[in-house]
Amino acid sequence: MYLIASQTINTTASGLTFSNIPQNFTHLQIRGFMQGSQFGNSTYMYFNSDNGSTSYYVHAINATGSAININGYTISGAQLMGYSNGYSAIHPSVFIADIFDYSNTNKNKTSKSLSGGDYNGTGELTYFGASWANTSAIQQITVFGNGGNFSYGTFQLYGIASSTVTGQ
């Protein structure tokens, strides 16, 4: 695992972009910690400036202290990847998203993410499995808050190399 880029938000921002992603890794991983301007927000990402198509599909399993919900979505213009009940100014949220075979131009892209936060005893944990119905190599990833801005956040992009032993 190799750090490709790191970005920190110290002021109000709608999101951030990782550009010029090297194509020499097998998979990518994004790790994020964020606080926001409004409760009830989610974190999304889109690839290669594709923020208008309906080619993003998501399945989510969400667990709270009292319920488990399972949902499927076709999302226009972005892929849901972060805490579904939102980050807030008081209670931060975290996520880890893995993007598989991001440079392979023979298949659509898939990802999974795990996110959560503790909102003073009312926290949630959410698992997302998602796909982008596009075979283009991912060269740019934009992460943004839907419905609000980040007031603080730190985000890292990692490249995961294939194993020299197994080749996978």
Protein backbone atom coordinates (compact mmCIF):
# COMPACT_ATOMS: atom_id res chain seq x y z
CA MET A 1 0.00 0.00 0.00
CA TYR A 2 1.48 3.30 -1.10
CA LEU A 3 0.32 6.83 -0.32
CA ILE A 4 -0.45 8.62 -3.59
CA ALA A 5 -1.91 11.86 -2.24
CA SER A 6 -3.29 13.46 0.90
CA GLN A 7 -5.58 16.47 1.22
CA THR A 8 -6.78 18.37 4.26
CA ILE A 9 -9.74 20.74 4.37
CA ASN A 10 -9.42 23.45 7.03
CA THR A 11 -12.17 25.74 5.80
CA THR A 12 -15.63 25.28 4.31
CA ALA A 13 -15.41 23.32 1.07
CA SER A 14 -17.87 21.34 -1.00
CA GLY A 15 -15.32 18.65 -1.77
CA LEU A 16 -11.93 17.79 -3.22
CA THR A 17 -10.43 16.08 -6.25
CA PHE A 18 -7.58 13.61 -6.63
CA SER A 19 -6.21 14.13 -10.17
CA ASN A 20 -3.56 12.49 -12.33
CA ILE A 21 -3.90 9.16 -10.52
CA PRO A 22 -1.02 6.88 -11.52
CA GLN A 23 -2.12 3.77 -13.43
CA ASN A 24 0.49 1.37 -12.07
CA PHE A 25 -1.43 -0.04 -9.09
CA THR A 26 -3.98 -2.85 -8.96
CA HIS A 27 -6.52 -1.17 -6.66
CA LEU A 28 -7.09 2.17 -4.91
CA GLN A 29 -8.18 2.98 -1.37
CA ILE A 30 -9.49 6.29 -0.06
CA ARG A 31 -9.62 7.00 3.66
CA GLY A 32 -11.55 9.96 4.97
CA PHE A 33 -12.30 11.71 8.25
CA MET A 34 -14.66 14.67 8.03
CA GLN A 35 -16.85 17.11 9.85
CA GLY A 36 -19.51 19.13 8.10
CA SER A 37 -21.76 22.10 8.15
CA GLN A 38 -25.07 20.31 8.45
CA PHE A 39 -26.41 17.07 9.94
CA GLY A 40 -27.90 14.58 7.55
CA ASN A 41 -25.28 14.70 4.82
CA SER A 42 -23.68 11.85 2.94
CA THR A 43 -20.33 11.54 1.24
CA TYR A 44 -20.21 10.72 -2.47
CA MET A 45 -17.57 10.26 -5.14
CA TYR A 46 -17.52 10.34 -8.90
CA PHE A 47 -14.88 9.35 -11.43
CA ASN A 48 -13.27 11.19 -14.36
CA SER A 49 -15.66 14.15 -14.18
CA ASP A 50 -18.65 11.83 -14.77
CA ASN A 51 -21.03 13.74 -12.51
CA GLY A 52 -24.15 13.65 -14.61
CA SER A 53 -24.76 10.13 -15.81
CA THR A 54 -26.98 7.47 -14.30
CA SER A 55 -24.24 4.86 -14.42
CA TYR A 56 -23.64 4.55 -10.66
CA TYR A 57 -25.32 1.71 -8.74
CA VAL A 58 -25.17 1.17 -4.97
CA HIS A 59 -26.32 -1.44 -2.46
CA ALA A 60 -26.19 -0.46 1.20
CA ILE A 61 -26.49 -2.22 4.53
CA ASN A 62 -26.99 0.25 7.34
CA ALA A 63 -27.03 -0.59 11.04
CA THR A 64 -27.97 1.55 14.01
CA GLY A 65 -28.42 0.58 17.63
CA SER A 66 -32.02 -0.36 16.92
CA ALA A 67 -32.42 -1.30 13.23
CA ILE A 68 -30.79 -2.73 10.13
CA ASN A 69 -31.77 -1.42 6.69
CA ILE A 70 -30.89 -2.83 3.26
CA ASN A 71 -31.30 -0.62 0.17
CA GLY A 72 -30.39 -0.50 -3.51
CA TYR A 73 -29.98 2.73 -5.49
CA THR A 74 -29.31 3.99 -8.98
CA ILE A 75 -27.63 7.29 -8.29
CA SER A 76 -27.47 10.03 -10.88
CA GLY A 77 -24.02 11.47 -11.16
CA ALA A 78 -22.22 10.01 -8.17
CA GLN A 79 -21.49 6.96 -6.09
CA LEU A 80 -22.54 6.91 -2.45
CA MET A 81 -19.55 5.99 -0.34
CA GLY A 82 -19.81 7.69 3.00
CA TYR A 83 -21.80 7.67 6.13
CA SER A 84 -25.45 7.63 5.13
CA ASN A 85 -26.90 9.65 8.00
CA GLY A 86 -24.27 12.30 7.64
CA TYR A 87 -21.39 14.10 9.14
CA SER A 88 -22.00 17.14 11.30
CA ALA A 89 -20.05 19.98 12.87
CA ILE A 90 -20.18 18.30 16.27
CA HIS A 91 -19.80 14.62 15.39
CA PRO A 92 -17.25 13.55 12.77
CA SER A 93 -17.59 10.56 10.45
CA VAL A 94 -15.07 8.25 8.82
CA PHE A 95 -14.97 6.00 5.76
CA ILE A 96 -12.65 3.62 3.95
CA ALA A 97 -13.44 3.00 0.28
CA ASP A 98 -11.73 0.41 -1.94
CA ILE A 99 -11.87 0.76 -5.73
CA PHE A 100 -10.98 -2.45 -7.54
CA ASP A 101 -9.12 -2.80 -10.86
CA TYR A 102 -9.41 0.93 -11.44
CA SER A 103 -7.10 0.96 -14.47
CA ASN A 104 -8.52 -2.13 -16.21
CA THR A 105 -10.28 -0.96 -19.39
CA ASN A 106 -11.96 -4.33 -20.01
CA LYS A 107 -14.53 -4.15 -17.21
CA ASN A 108 -16.82 -1.83 -15.28
CA LYS A 109 -15.47 -0.46 -12.00
CA THR A 110 -16.60 -1.72 -8.59
CA SER A 111 -16.00 -0.48 -5.08
CA LYS A 112 -16.89 -1.12 -1.48
CA SER A 113 -16.83 1.23 1.44
CA LEU A 114 -17.34 1.05 5.16
CA SER A 115 -18.36 4.20 6.99
CA GLY A 116 -19.72 5.32 10.29
CA GLY A 117 -19.91 7.79 13.09
CA ASP A 118 -21.06 8.09 16.66
CA TYR A 119 -23.55 10.88 17.14
CA ASN A 120 -23.54 10.91 20.91
CA GLY A 121 -25.00 7.44 21.20
CA THR A 122 -27.05 7.45 17.99
CA GLY A 123 -24.37 6.36 15.58
CA GLU A 124 -24.52 4.22 12.50
CA LEU A 125 -22.34 1.84 10.54
CA THR A 126 -22.90 1.44 6.79
CA TYR A 127 -21.45 -0.90 4.19
CA PHE A 128 -21.76 0.13 0.54
CA GLY A 129 -21.11 -2.04 -2.50
CA ALA A 130 -21.14 0.00 -5.68
CA SER A 131 -20.38 -0.03 -9.38
CA TRP A 132 -19.72 2.48 -12.12
CA ALA A 133 -21.00 1.15 -15.44
CA ASN A 134 -18.00 2.39 -17.38
CA THR A 135 -14.84 0.64 -18.60
CA SER A 136 -12.64 3.78 -18.63
CA ALA A 137 -9.56 3.77 -16.46
CA ILE A 138 -10.08 5.99 -13.41
CA GLN A 139 -7.71 8.93 -13.61
CA GLN A 140 -9.57 11.35 -11.33
CA ILE A 141 -11.75 10.96 -8.23
CA THR A 142 -13.88 13.74 -6.74
CA VAL A 143 -15.15 13.36 -3.16
CA PHE A 144 -17.93 15.68 -2.02
CA GLY A 145 -20.60 16.20 0.58
CA ASN A 146 -24.15 15.94 -0.70
CA GLY A 147 -26.42 18.52 0.91
CA GLY A 148 -23.73 20.38 2.81
CA ASN A 149 -20.08 21.32 2.94
CA PHE A 150 -17.13 19.88 4.76
CA SER A 151 -15.89 22.21 7.49
CA TYR A 152 -12.89 20.02 8.23
CA GLY A 153 -11.57 16.84 6.71
CA THR A 154 -8.52 14.82 5.92
CA PHE A 155 -8.47 12.40 3.00
CA GLN A 156 -5.77 10.03 1.75
CA LEU A 157 -5.55 8.16 -1.54
CA TYR A 158 -3.54 4.94 -1.54
CA GLY A 159 -2.45 2.64 -4.34
CA ILE A 160 -2.44 -1.07 -3.67
CA ALA A 161 0.11 -3.03 -5.68
CA SER A 162 -0.35 -6.62 -6.76
CA SER A 163 1.50 -9.23 -4.77
CA THR A 164 4.83 -10.31 -6.21
CA VAL A 165 4.11 -13.79 -4.83
CA THR A 166 0.57 -14.40 -6.14
CA GLY A 167 0.29 -11.73 -8.84
CA GLN A 168 -3.07 -10.61 -7.42
